[in-house]
Amino acid sequence: MRHPIRTSAQVAAALAAGLLLAGCADAEPIPEIAQAPRPTAAPATDAPAAAPHRTVGGPGSACALPVSFGVAEKWTPKAVEDPENPEFAALTRQGLATVRCEVDAKPAGHVGFLRVWTAGKGPARTALEGFVKAARNTSGVAYREGGSGAGPVTEVTYTVRDALTEESKEERAFAVTTPKGTVIVHLGGLDTAEHRAMIPAYELARTTLKAL
């Protein structure tokens, strides 16, 4: 699918948003926001899941995680190095969650990531609400309950206004409780068009999710 031509500012913003996996981190900000009113329900997506190409999270995979899931073709998973380092806390932590793994969409022709975050034991909904609350300039926050191979999941969709580009874009995430704690899988993107183009990879992760 062809996308509109991106401005140089947009592309620069998207590239800056990726974690430097050799010790640097994601530039997506984490300050406090005014939380949107509690939603009714997040809309279900009509996008089909992508075909699995590899699995991440299991033994011998790129990221050590409490779950495993299928990764779409050409998407590249990499573990985030030293996410517990307090020096990078503002970049590697969001709400109750710490980022552990990035699955990069650029090799597949998109600008964005699936990011996997972990939090301590407790309700998935609580961790996900804290994750969204810690984001910046959110609106239209909507949750819904669903299922996965790892058990019940809570999903959220919301809109984020980017201070650099002064544009709004869609984002989404799901959270699941495992015996080793809560896992949050988040999908962002350069803009809403890129985000929507990557939803099949997100759906693949959700529908193939297994607790380890």
N, C-alpha and C. Protein backbone atom coordinates (compact mmCIF):
# COMPACT_ATOMS: atom_id res chain seq x y z
N MET A 1 0.85 -1.19 0.00
CA MET A 1 0.00 0.00 0.00
C MET A 1 0.88 1.24 0.00
N ARG A 2 0.63 2.19 -0.87
CA ARG A 2 1.40 3.41 -0.95
C ARG A 2 0.90 4.39 0.10
N HIS A 3 1.78 5.08 0.73
CA HIS A 3 1.42 6.04 1.75
C HIS A 3 1.74 7.43 1.26
N PRO A 4 1.13 8.46 1.82
CA PRO A 4 1.46 9.83 1.44
C PRO A 4 2.92 10.11 1.72
N ILE A 5 3.52 11.03 0.94
CA ILE A 5 4.91 11.40 1.15
C ILE A 5 5.06 12.06 2.51
N ARG A 6 6.05 11.60 3.29
CA ARG A 6 6.26 12.14 4.63
C ARG A 6 7.14 13.38 4.54
N THR A 7 6.92 14.33 5.39
CA THR A 7 7.82 15.47 5.49
C THR A 7 9.09 15.02 6.19
N SER A 8 10.17 15.77 5.99
CA SER A 8 11.42 15.40 6.65
C SER A 8 11.28 15.46 8.16
N ALA A 9 10.46 16.40 8.67
CA ALA A 9 10.27 16.50 10.12
C ALA A 9 9.57 15.26 10.65
N GLN A 10 8.59 14.74 9.88
CA GLN A 10 7.88 13.54 10.33
C GLN A 10 8.80 12.34 10.37
N VAL A 11 9.58 12.16 9.31
CA VAL A 11 10.48 11.02 9.28
C VAL A 11 11.52 11.11 10.37
N ALA A 12 12.06 12.32 10.58
CA ALA A 12 13.04 12.50 11.65
C ALA A 12 12.43 12.18 13.00
N ALA A 13 11.19 12.60 13.20
CA ALA A 13 10.53 12.32 14.48
C ALA A 13 10.36 10.84 14.69
N ALA A 14 10.00 10.11 13.61
CA ALA A 14 9.77 8.68 13.74
C ALA A 14 11.07 7.94 14.03
N LEU A 15 12.12 8.31 13.33
CA LEU A 15 13.40 7.64 13.55
C LEU A 15 13.92 7.93 14.94
N ALA A 16 13.69 9.14 15.43
CA ALA A 16 14.14 9.48 16.79
C ALA A 16 13.37 8.72 17.83
N ALA A 17 12.18 8.20 17.46
CA ALA A 17 11.33 7.51 18.43
C ALA A 17 11.82 6.10 18.72
N GLY A 18 12.74 5.55 17.93
CA GLY A 18 13.21 4.19 18.15
C GLY A 18 14.24 4.13 19.25
N LEU A 19 14.24 3.04 20.01
CA LEU A 19 15.27 2.85 21.03
C LEU A 19 16.57 2.50 20.35
N LEU A 20 17.68 3.08 20.81
CA LEU A 20 19.00 2.67 20.35
C LEU A 20 19.38 1.46 21.19
N LEU A 21 19.30 0.30 20.58
CA LEU A 21 19.36 -0.93 21.34
C LEU A 21 20.75 -1.25 21.87
N ALA A 22 21.72 -0.45 21.52
CA ALA A 22 23.06 -0.70 22.05
C ALA A 22 23.31 0.13 23.30
N GLY A 23 22.27 0.58 23.97
CA GLY A 23 22.46 1.26 25.24
C GLY A 23 21.72 2.55 25.32
N CYS A 24 21.19 3.08 24.20
CA CYS A 24 20.39 4.28 24.24
C CYS A 24 18.94 3.85 24.30
N ALA A 25 18.00 4.85 24.14
CA ALA A 25 16.62 4.46 24.34
C ALA A 25 15.69 5.32 23.56
N ASP A 26 14.45 4.91 23.59
CA ASP A 26 13.33 5.50 22.87
C ASP A 26 13.10 6.94 23.27
N ALA A 27 12.86 7.78 22.28
CA ALA A 27 12.64 9.19 22.57
C ALA A 27 11.19 9.51 22.81
N GLU A 28 10.33 8.51 22.79
CA GLU A 28 8.94 8.81 23.06
C GLU A 28 8.81 9.26 24.51
N PRO A 29 8.25 10.44 24.77
CA PRO A 29 8.24 11.01 26.12
C PRO A 29 7.27 10.31 27.04
N ILE A 30 7.49 10.50 28.35
CA ILE A 30 6.70 9.78 29.34
C ILE A 30 6.13 10.68 30.42
N PRO A 31 6.07 11.99 30.29
CA PRO A 31 5.58 12.80 31.40
C PRO A 31 4.10 12.61 31.68
N GLU A 32 3.65 13.27 32.78
CA GLU A 32 2.26 13.09 33.16
C GLU A 32 1.33 13.84 32.22
N ILE A 33 0.07 13.40 32.19
CA ILE A 33 -0.94 14.03 31.35
C ILE A 33 -2.22 14.16 32.17
N ALA A 34 -3.15 14.88 31.60
CA ALA A 34 -4.50 14.88 32.14
C ALA A 34 -5.22 13.71 31.50
N GLN A 35 -5.58 12.69 32.28
CA GLN A 35 -6.16 11.48 31.74
C GLN A 35 -7.55 11.75 31.17
N ALA A 36 -7.81 11.13 30.01
CA ALA A 36 -9.12 11.26 29.40
C ALA A 36 -10.16 10.54 30.25
N PRO A 37 -11.43 10.88 30.10
CA PRO A 37 -12.47 10.19 30.86
C PRO A 37 -12.44 8.69 30.59
N ARG A 38 -12.81 7.91 31.58
CA ARG A 38 -12.83 6.45 31.43
C ARG A 38 -13.73 6.08 30.26
N PRO A 39 -13.24 5.25 29.34
CA PRO A 39 -13.96 4.98 28.11
C PRO A 39 -15.04 3.94 28.28
N THR A 40 -15.80 3.79 27.23
CA THR A 40 -16.79 2.72 27.19
C THR A 40 -16.14 1.46 26.68
N ALA A 41 -15.77 1.42 25.42
CA ALA A 41 -15.12 0.23 24.87
C ALA A 41 -14.27 0.61 23.68
N ALA A 42 -13.14 -0.07 23.54
CA ALA A 42 -12.30 0.15 22.38
C ALA A 42 -12.89 -0.58 21.18
N PRO A 43 -12.87 0.03 20.01
CA PRO A 43 -13.41 -0.64 18.84
C PRO A 43 -12.54 -1.82 18.44
N ALA A 44 -13.17 -2.91 18.05
CA ALA A 44 -12.43 -4.06 17.55
C ALA A 44 -11.92 -3.74 16.15
N THR A 45 -10.74 -4.22 15.82
CA THR A 45 -10.21 -3.99 14.49
C THR A 45 -10.72 -5.03 13.51
N ASP A 46 -10.91 -4.61 12.27
CA ASP A 46 -11.31 -5.54 11.21
C ASP A 46 -10.10 -6.06 10.45
N ALA A 47 -8.91 -5.60 10.81
CA ALA A 47 -7.71 -6.00 10.07
C ALA A 47 -7.38 -7.45 10.37
N PRO A 48 -7.11 -8.26 9.34
CA PRO A 48 -6.70 -9.65 9.59
C PRO A 48 -5.28 -9.69 10.12
N ALA A 49 -4.97 -10.76 10.83
CA ALA A 49 -3.61 -10.93 11.33
C ALA A 49 -2.67 -11.26 10.18
N ALA A 50 -1.43 -10.80 10.28
CA ALA A 50 -0.42 -11.15 9.29
C ALA A 50 -0.03 -12.62 9.45
N ALA A 51 0.61 -13.16 8.44
CA ALA A 51 1.11 -14.53 8.53
C ALA A 51 2.37 -14.57 9.37
N PRO A 52 2.51 -15.55 10.27
CA PRO A 52 3.70 -15.61 11.12
C PRO A 52 4.93 -16.00 10.31
N HIS A 53 6.05 -15.37 10.63
CA HIS A 53 7.31 -15.66 9.95
C HIS A 53 8.32 -16.26 10.93
N ARG A 54 8.27 -15.81 12.19
CA ARG A 54 9.13 -16.34 13.24
C ARG A 54 8.43 -16.11 14.56
N THR A 55 9.01 -16.60 15.63
CA THR A 55 8.45 -16.42 16.97
C THR A 55 9.46 -15.69 17.83
N VAL A 56 8.98 -14.77 18.65
CA VAL A 56 9.84 -14.08 19.59
C VAL A 56 9.34 -14.37 21.01
N GLY A 57 10.27 -14.46 21.95
CA GLY A 57 9.91 -14.66 23.35
C GLY A 57 10.26 -16.02 23.87
N GLY A 58 10.37 -17.02 23.01
CA GLY A 58 10.69 -18.36 23.45
C GLY A 58 12.18 -18.59 23.55
N PRO A 59 12.59 -19.80 23.94
CA PRO A 59 14.01 -20.12 24.07
C PRO A 59 14.75 -19.88 22.75
N GLY A 60 15.88 -19.20 22.84
CA GLY A 60 16.69 -18.96 21.67
C GLY A 60 16.23 -17.82 20.79
N SER A 61 15.15 -17.14 21.17
CA SER A 61 14.66 -16.02 20.35
C SER A 61 15.39 -14.74 20.73
N ALA A 62 15.10 -13.67 20.01
CA ALA A 62 15.83 -12.41 20.20
C ALA A 62 15.57 -11.76 21.55
N CYS A 63 14.40 -12.00 22.15
CA CYS A 63 14.02 -11.34 23.41
C CYS A 63 13.57 -12.37 24.43
N ALA A 64 14.07 -12.27 25.64
CA ALA A 64 13.61 -13.12 26.73
C ALA A 64 12.39 -12.47 27.36
N LEU A 65 11.22 -13.12 27.23
CA LEU A 65 9.95 -12.53 27.66
C LEU A 65 9.11 -13.57 28.41
N PRO A 66 8.12 -13.12 29.18
CA PRO A 66 7.20 -14.06 29.83
C PRO A 66 6.20 -14.68 28.86
N VAL A 67 6.19 -14.20 27.61
CA VAL A 67 5.27 -14.70 26.59
C VAL A 67 6.04 -14.91 25.29
N SER A 68 5.42 -15.61 24.36
CA SER A 68 5.93 -15.69 23.00
C SER A 68 4.79 -15.32 22.05
N PHE A 69 5.15 -14.86 20.85
CA PHE A 69 4.14 -14.55 19.84
C PHE A 69 4.78 -14.55 18.46
N GLY A 70 3.94 -14.66 17.44
CA GLY A 70 4.41 -14.68 16.07
C GLY A 70 4.80 -13.28 15.60
N VAL A 71 5.84 -13.21 14.78
CA VAL A 71 6.33 -11.96 14.21
C VAL A 71 6.14 -12.00 12.70
N ALA A 72 5.65 -10.93 12.14
CA ALA A 72 5.39 -10.85 10.70
C ALA A 72 6.69 -10.85 9.91
N GLU A 73 6.60 -11.21 8.65
CA GLU A 73 7.77 -11.29 7.79
C GLU A 73 8.50 -9.95 7.71
N LYS A 74 9.81 -10.01 7.83
CA LYS A 74 10.74 -8.88 7.75
C LYS A 74 10.73 -7.99 8.99
N TRP A 75 9.76 -8.15 9.88
CA TRP A 75 9.82 -7.41 11.14
C TRP A 75 10.97 -8.00 11.97
N THR A 76 11.75 -7.12 12.61
CA THR A 76 12.99 -7.55 13.25
C THR A 76 12.96 -7.30 14.75
N PRO A 77 12.92 -8.37 15.56
CA PRO A 77 12.92 -8.19 17.02
C PRO A 77 14.33 -8.04 17.58
N LYS A 78 14.49 -7.15 18.54
CA LYS A 78 15.75 -6.97 19.25
C LYS A 78 15.45 -6.65 20.71
N ALA A 79 16.25 -7.21 21.60
CA ALA A 79 16.10 -6.92 23.02
C ALA A 79 16.62 -5.53 23.33
N VAL A 80 15.98 -4.86 24.26
CA VAL A 80 16.44 -3.56 24.74
C VAL A 80 17.49 -3.80 25.81
N GLU A 81 18.67 -3.25 25.60
CA GLU A 81 19.77 -3.48 26.53
C GLU A 81 19.66 -2.60 27.77
N ASP A 82 19.87 -3.22 28.90
CA ASP A 82 19.95 -2.52 30.19
C ASP A 82 18.72 -1.65 30.47
N PRO A 83 17.52 -2.18 30.33
CA PRO A 83 16.34 -1.35 30.57
C PRO A 83 16.13 -0.94 32.01
N GLU A 84 16.80 -1.62 32.95
CA GLU A 84 16.64 -1.29 34.36
C GLU A 84 17.58 -0.17 34.81
N ASN A 85 18.46 0.27 33.94
CA ASN A 85 19.42 1.31 34.30
C ASN A 85 18.67 2.59 34.68
N PRO A 86 18.82 3.09 35.91
CA PRO A 86 18.08 4.28 36.34
C PRO A 86 18.42 5.52 35.50
N GLU A 87 19.56 5.52 34.86
CA GLU A 87 19.94 6.65 34.03
C GLU A 87 18.98 6.83 32.85
N PHE A 88 18.39 5.70 32.40
CA PHE A 88 17.49 5.74 31.26
C PHE A 88 16.03 5.55 31.66
N ALA A 89 15.73 5.69 32.95
CA ALA A 89 14.40 5.39 33.44
C ALA A 89 13.31 6.18 32.73
N ALA A 90 13.59 7.45 32.41
CA ALA A 90 12.57 8.27 31.76
C ALA A 90 12.27 7.80 30.35
N LEU A 91 13.16 6.98 29.80
CA LEU A 91 13.00 6.52 28.43
C LEU A 91 12.58 5.06 28.33
N THR A 92 12.92 4.27 29.33
CA THR A 92 12.62 2.84 29.27
C THR A 92 11.46 2.42 30.15
N ARG A 93 10.90 3.36 30.90
CA ARG A 93 9.77 3.03 31.77
C ARG A 93 8.60 3.94 31.45
N GLN A 94 7.43 3.36 31.51
CA GLN A 94 6.21 4.12 31.26
C GLN A 94 5.14 3.59 32.20
N GLY A 95 4.70 4.42 33.11
CA GLY A 95 3.78 3.94 34.12
C GLY A 95 4.45 2.87 34.96
N LEU A 96 3.80 1.71 35.09
CA LEU A 96 4.34 0.60 35.86
C LEU A 96 5.22 -0.31 35.02
N ALA A 97 5.39 -0.02 33.75
CA ALA A 97 6.01 -0.95 32.81
C ALA A 97 7.42 -0.53 32.41
N THR A 98 8.24 -1.55 32.09
CA THR A 98 9.60 -1.36 31.59
C THR A 98 9.70 -2.03 30.22
N VAL A 99 10.27 -1.33 29.25
CA VAL A 99 10.36 -1.88 27.90
C VAL A 99 11.45 -2.95 27.85
N ARG A 100 11.14 -4.05 27.16
CA ARG A 100 12.06 -5.19 27.09
C ARG A 100 12.46 -5.54 25.66
N CYS A 101 11.62 -5.27 24.72
CA CYS A 101 11.85 -5.76 23.36
C CYS A 101 11.21 -4.82 22.35
N GLU A 102 11.89 -4.62 21.22
CA GLU A 102 11.34 -3.88 20.10
C GLU A 102 11.29 -4.79 18.88
N VAL A 103 10.19 -4.74 18.17
CA VAL A 103 10.08 -5.43 16.89
C VAL A 103 9.94 -4.35 15.83
N ASP A 104 10.99 -4.15 15.06
CA ASP A 104 11.12 -3.03 14.14
C ASP A 104 10.43 -3.33 12.82
N ALA A 105 9.57 -2.40 12.38
CA ALA A 105 8.83 -2.58 11.13
C ALA A 105 9.56 -2.02 9.91
N LYS A 106 10.64 -1.28 10.12
CA LYS A 106 11.29 -0.64 8.97
C LYS A 106 11.74 -1.61 7.89
N PRO A 107 12.30 -2.78 8.24
CA PRO A 107 12.66 -3.72 7.17
C PRO A 107 11.47 -4.19 6.34
N ALA A 108 10.26 -4.08 6.90
CA ALA A 108 9.05 -4.46 6.17
C ALA A 108 8.43 -3.28 5.44
N GLY A 109 9.08 -2.11 5.49
CA GLY A 109 8.60 -0.96 4.73
C GLY A 109 7.73 0.00 5.49
N HIS A 110 7.69 -0.11 6.82
CA HIS A 110 6.88 0.78 7.65
C HIS A 110 7.77 1.48 8.66
N VAL A 111 7.28 2.59 9.20
CA VAL A 111 8.03 3.32 10.22
C VAL A 111 7.29 3.19 11.54
N GLY A 112 7.76 2.27 12.37
CA GLY A 112 7.11 2.03 13.65
C GLY A 112 7.64 0.77 14.30
N PHE A 113 7.13 0.48 15.49
CA PHE A 113 7.59 -0.66 16.28
C PHE A 113 6.41 -1.31 16.99
N LEU A 114 6.52 -2.61 17.20
CA LEU A 114 5.81 -3.29 18.27
C LEU A 114 6.77 -3.32 19.44
N ARG A 115 6.36 -2.77 20.55
CA ARG A 115 7.23 -2.78 21.73
C ARG A 115 6.58 -3.62 22.83
N VAL A 116 7.39 -4.42 23.47
CA VAL A 116 6.91 -5.28 24.55
C VAL A 116 7.44 -4.74 25.87
N TRP A 117 6.52 -4.51 26.80
CA TRP A 117 6.83 -3.97 28.11
C TRP A 117 6.39 -4.99 29.16
N THR A 118 7.07 -5.01 30.30
CA THR A 118 6.65 -5.87 31.40
C THR A 118 6.44 -5.04 32.66
N ALA A 119 5.53 -5.52 33.48
CA ALA A 119 5.23 -4.89 34.77
C ALA A 119 5.11 -6.00 35.81
N GLY A 120 5.01 -5.61 37.06
CA GLY A 120 4.90 -6.58 38.13
C GLY A 120 3.56 -7.30 38.11
N LYS A 121 3.39 -8.21 39.04
CA LYS A 121 2.15 -8.97 39.11
C LYS A 121 1.00 -8.07 39.54
N GLY A 122 -0.16 -8.34 38.99
CA GLY A 122 -1.35 -7.54 39.27
C GLY A 122 -2.27 -7.54 38.08
N PRO A 123 -3.42 -6.90 38.18
CA PRO A 123 -4.38 -6.88 37.08
C PRO A 123 -3.79 -6.23 35.82
N ALA A 124 -4.03 -6.86 34.68
CA ALA A 124 -3.55 -6.30 33.41
C ALA A 124 -4.17 -4.93 33.16
N ARG A 125 -5.43 -4.77 33.53
CA ARG A 125 -6.11 -3.49 33.30
C ARG A 125 -5.41 -2.36 34.07
N THR A 126 -5.00 -2.64 35.30
CA THR A 126 -4.33 -1.61 36.10
C THR A 126 -3.02 -1.18 35.46
N ALA A 127 -2.22 -2.15 35.01
CA ALA A 127 -0.95 -1.83 34.37
C ALA A 127 -1.17 -1.06 33.07
N LEU A 128 -2.17 -1.45 32.31
CA LEU A 128 -2.42 -0.79 31.03
C LEU A 128 -2.93 0.63 31.24
N GLU A 129 -3.78 0.83 32.22
CA GLU A 129 -4.26 2.18 32.51
C GLU A 129 -3.11 3.08 32.94
N GLY A 130 -2.21 2.55 33.76
CA GLY A 130 -1.04 3.34 34.16
C GLY A 130 -0.14 3.65 32.98
N PHE A 131 -0.02 2.71 32.06
CA PHE A 131 0.80 2.90 30.86
C PHE A 131 0.24 4.04 30.01
N VAL A 132 -1.05 4.04 29.79
CA VAL A 132 -1.67 5.09 28.98
C VAL A 132 -1.63 6.43 29.70
N LYS A 133 -1.87 6.42 30.99
CA LYS A 133 -1.86 7.66 31.76
C LYS A 133 -0.50 8.34 31.70
N ALA A 134 0.57 7.53 31.61
CA ALA A 134 1.92 8.08 31.57
C ALA A 134 2.33 8.57 30.19
N ALA A 135 1.50 8.36 29.20
CA ALA A 135 1.79 8.88 27.86
C ALA A 135 1.48 10.37 27.81
N ARG A 136 1.78 11.01 26.70
CA ARG A 136 1.60 12.45 26.59
C ARG A 136 0.48 12.78 25.61
N ASN A 137 -0.35 13.77 26.00
CA ASN A 137 -1.35 14.36 25.10
C ASN A 137 -2.28 13.32 24.49
N THR A 138 -2.84 12.46 25.34
CA THR A 138 -3.75 11.43 24.84
C THR A 138 -5.19 11.91 24.85
N SER A 139 -5.97 11.32 23.97
CA SER A 139 -7.42 11.59 23.93
C SER A 139 -8.10 10.37 23.33
N GLY A 140 -9.42 10.31 23.46
CA GLY A 140 -10.18 9.21 22.88
C GLY A 140 -9.78 7.85 23.41
N VAL A 141 -9.38 7.77 24.68
CA VAL A 141 -8.93 6.51 25.25
C VAL A 141 -10.11 5.56 25.43
N ALA A 142 -9.99 4.35 24.89
CA ALA A 142 -11.09 3.38 24.96
C ALA A 142 -10.54 1.99 25.19
N TYR A 143 -11.10 1.28 26.17
CA TYR A 143 -10.67 -0.06 26.53
C TYR A 143 -11.71 -1.09 26.12
N ARG A 144 -11.26 -2.33 25.92
CA ARG A 144 -12.18 -3.44 25.76
C ARG A 144 -11.50 -4.71 26.24
N GLU A 145 -12.28 -5.67 26.64
CA GLU A 145 -11.76 -6.95 27.11
C GLU A 145 -11.84 -7.97 25.98
N GLY A 146 -10.83 -8.79 25.88
CA GLY A 146 -10.79 -9.80 24.83
C GLY A 146 -10.06 -11.03 25.32
N GLY A 147 -9.56 -11.82 24.37
CA GLY A 147 -8.88 -13.05 24.72
C GLY A 147 -7.65 -13.27 23.86
N SER A 148 -6.82 -14.23 24.29
CA SER A 148 -5.62 -14.60 23.54
C SER A 148 -5.24 -15.99 23.98
N GLY A 149 -4.20 -16.52 23.33
CA GLY A 149 -3.71 -17.83 23.72
C GLY A 149 -3.10 -17.85 25.10
N ALA A 150 -2.79 -16.66 25.63
CA ALA A 150 -2.23 -16.56 26.98
C ALA A 150 -3.28 -16.26 28.03
N GLY A 151 -4.54 -16.16 27.60
CA GLY A 151 -5.62 -15.86 28.53
C GLY A 151 -6.29 -14.54 28.22
N PRO A 152 -7.15 -14.04 29.13
CA PRO A 152 -7.86 -12.79 28.89
C PRO A 152 -6.90 -11.62 28.70
N VAL A 153 -7.25 -10.73 27.80
CA VAL A 153 -6.43 -9.54 27.57
C VAL A 153 -7.31 -8.29 27.68
N THR A 154 -6.70 -7.20 28.04
CA THR A 154 -7.34 -5.89 27.99
C THR A 154 -6.67 -5.10 26.89
N GLU A 155 -7.47 -4.55 25.98
CA GLU A 155 -6.94 -3.75 24.88
C GLU A 155 -7.32 -2.30 25.06
N VAL A 156 -6.50 -1.41 24.50
CA VAL A 156 -6.80 0.02 24.53
C VAL A 156 -6.45 0.63 23.19
N THR A 157 -7.27 1.54 22.73
CA THR A 157 -6.96 2.40 21.59
C THR A 157 -7.04 3.83 22.06
N TYR A 158 -6.18 4.68 21.50
CA TYR A 158 -6.19 6.09 21.89
C TYR A 158 -5.47 6.91 20.83
N THR A 159 -5.59 8.21 20.96
CA THR A 159 -4.95 9.14 20.05
C THR A 159 -3.93 9.97 20.81
N VAL A 160 -2.76 10.16 20.21
CA VAL A 160 -1.69 10.95 20.80
C VAL A 160 -1.40 12.14 19.89
N ARG A 161 -1.30 13.32 20.47
CA ARG A 161 -0.92 14.50 19.69
C ARG A 161 0.58 14.70 19.81
N ASP A 162 1.28 14.67 18.67
CA ASP A 162 2.72 14.80 18.62
C ASP A 162 3.10 16.27 18.69
N ALA A 163 3.88 16.65 19.71
CA ALA A 163 4.26 18.05 19.88
C ALA A 163 5.19 18.54 18.79
N LEU A 164 5.98 17.62 18.21
CA LEU A 164 6.94 18.02 17.18
C LEU A 164 6.26 18.29 15.84
N THR A 165 5.40 17.37 15.42
CA THR A 165 4.73 17.54 14.13
C THR A 165 3.40 18.27 14.25
N GLU A 166 2.89 18.43 15.49
CA GLU A 166 1.60 19.07 15.76
C GLU A 166 0.47 18.32 15.04
N GLU A 167 0.61 17.01 14.95
CA GLU A 167 -0.41 16.16 14.36
C GLU A 167 -0.80 15.08 15.35
N SER A 168 -2.02 14.57 15.21
CA SER A 168 -2.49 13.49 16.07
C SER A 168 -2.37 12.17 15.33
N LYS A 169 -2.13 11.10 16.09
CA LYS A 169 -2.00 9.78 15.48
C LYS A 169 -2.59 8.73 16.42
N GLU A 170 -3.03 7.65 15.83
CA GLU A 170 -3.62 6.56 16.59
C GLU A 170 -2.53 5.64 17.16
N GLU A 171 -2.79 5.11 18.35
CA GLU A 171 -1.93 4.09 18.94
C GLU A 171 -2.83 3.06 19.62
N ARG A 172 -2.27 1.90 19.93
CA ARG A 172 -3.04 0.85 20.60
C ARG A 172 -2.09 -0.07 21.35
N ALA A 173 -2.65 -0.82 22.29
CA ALA A 173 -1.85 -1.77 23.06
C ALA A 173 -2.79 -2.81 23.66
N PHE A 174 -2.22 -3.95 24.02
CA PHE A 174 -2.97 -4.92 24.82
C PHE A 174 -2.09 -5.38 25.96
N ALA A 175 -2.74 -5.83 27.03
CA ALA A 175 -2.03 -6.30 28.22
C ALA A 175 -2.60 -7.63 28.66
N VAL A 176 -1.73 -8.51 29.14
CA VAL A 176 -2.14 -9.82 29.62
C VAL A 176 -1.38 -10.13 30.90
N THR A 177 -2.05 -10.78 31.83
CA THR A 177 -1.42 -11.20 33.08
C THR A 177 -0.85 -12.60 32.91
N THR A 178 0.41 -12.78 33.31
CA THR A 178 1.07 -14.09 33.26
C THR A 178 1.59 -14.42 34.66
N PRO A 179 1.98 -15.67 34.90
CA PRO A 179 2.54 -16.01 36.21
C PRO A 179 3.79 -15.20 36.55
N LYS A 180 4.45 -14.62 35.55
CA LYS A 180 5.67 -13.84 35.77
C LYS A 180 5.42 -12.34 35.77
N GLY A 181 4.16 -11.94 35.71
CA GLY A 181 3.83 -10.52 35.71
C GLY A 181 3.02 -10.13 34.48
N THR A 182 2.73 -8.85 34.37
CA THR A 182 1.93 -8.34 33.26
C THR A 182 2.81 -8.01 32.07
N VAL A 183 2.31 -8.33 30.89
CA VAL A 183 3.00 -8.00 29.64
C VAL A 183 2.11 -7.06 28.85
N ILE A 184 2.70 -5.97 28.35
CA ILE A 184 2.00 -5.01 27.50
C ILE A 184 2.68 -5.00 26.14
N VAL A 185 1.89 -5.16 25.09
CA VAL A 185 2.40 -5.07 23.72
C VAL A 185 1.78 -3.83 23.09
N HIS A 186 2.62 -2.89 22.66
CA HIS A 186 2.16 -1.59 22.18
C HIS A 186 2.54 -1.39 20.72
N LEU A 187 1.63 -0.82 19.94
CA LEU A 187 1.89 -0.46 18.55
C LEU A 187 1.71 1.03 18.38
N GLY A 188 2.78 1.71 17.95
CA GLY A 188 2.69 3.14 17.64
C GLY A 188 2.75 3.34 16.13
N GLY A 189 3.71 4.13 15.67
CA GLY A 189 3.84 4.39 14.24
C GLY A 189 4.12 5.84 13.96
N LEU A 190 4.65 6.12 12.78
CA LEU A 190 4.95 7.49 12.38
C LEU A 190 3.72 8.36 12.40
N ASP A 191 2.63 7.84 11.86
CA ASP A 191 1.37 8.57 11.81
C ASP A 191 0.24 7.54 11.76
N THR A 192 -0.99 8.02 11.64
CA THR A 192 -2.13 7.10 11.66
C THR A 192 -2.13 6.17 10.46
N ALA A 193 -1.72 6.65 9.30
CA ALA A 193 -1.67 5.79 8.12
C ALA A 193 -0.69 4.64 8.32
N GLU A 194 0.50 4.94 8.84
CA GLU A 194 1.47 3.88 9.11
C GLU A 194 0.95 2.95 10.20
N HIS A 195 0.35 3.53 11.23
CA HIS A 195 -0.19 2.71 12.32
C HIS A 195 -1.20 1.69 11.79
N ARG A 196 -2.13 2.15 11.00
CA ARG A 196 -3.16 1.24 10.48
C ARG A 196 -2.58 0.18 9.57
N ALA A 197 -1.55 0.54 8.81
CA ALA A 197 -0.91 -0.43 7.93
C ALA A 197 -0.22 -1.53 8.71
N MET A 198 0.16 -1.25 9.96
CA MET A 198 0.88 -2.22 10.79
C MET A 198 -0.03 -3.03 11.71
N ILE A 199 -1.31 -2.75 11.72
CA ILE A 199 -2.23 -3.47 12.61
C ILE A 199 -2.20 -4.99 12.38
N PRO A 200 -2.07 -5.49 11.14
CA PRO A 200 -1.99 -6.95 10.99
C PRO A 200 -0.86 -7.59 11.79
N ALA A 201 0.28 -6.91 11.92
CA ALA A 201 1.37 -7.45 12.73
C ALA A 201 1.01 -7.44 14.22
N TYR A 202 0.31 -6.41 14.65
CA TYR A 202 -0.19 -6.34 16.02
C TYR A 202 -1.19 -7.47 16.29
N GLU A 203 -2.10 -7.68 15.36
CA GLU A 203 -3.10 -8.74 15.51
C GLU A 203 -2.43 -10.12 15.53
N LEU A 204 -1.37 -10.27 14.75
CA LEU A 204 -0.63 -11.53 14.78
C LEU A 204 -0.06 -11.77 16.17
N ALA A 205 0.52 -10.74 16.76
CA ALA A 205 1.05 -10.88 18.12
C ALA A 205 -0.04 -11.25 19.11
N ARG A 206 -1.18 -10.59 19.02
CA ARG A 206 -2.27 -10.86 19.97
C ARG A 206 -2.84 -12.26 19.81
N THR A 207 -3.06 -12.67 18.57
CA THR A 207 -3.74 -13.96 18.34
C THR A 207 -2.81 -15.17 18.51
N THR A 208 -1.52 -14.96 18.48
CA THR A 208 -0.57 -16.08 18.66
C THR A 208 0.10 -16.05 20.02
N LEU A 209 -0.31 -15.14 20.89
CA LEU A 209 0.31 -14.96 22.19
C LEU A 209 0.19 -16.22 23.06
N LYS A 210 1.29 -16.62 23.67
CA LYS A 210 1.31 -17.76 24.59
C LYS A 210 2.16 -17.40 25.81
N ALA A 211 1.67 -17.77 26.97
CA ALA A 211 2.45 -17.57 28.20
C ALA A 211 3.52 -18.66 28.29
N LEU A 212 4.68 -18.28 28.79
CA LEU A 212 5.81 -19.23 28.91
C LEU A 212 6.05 -19.60 30.38
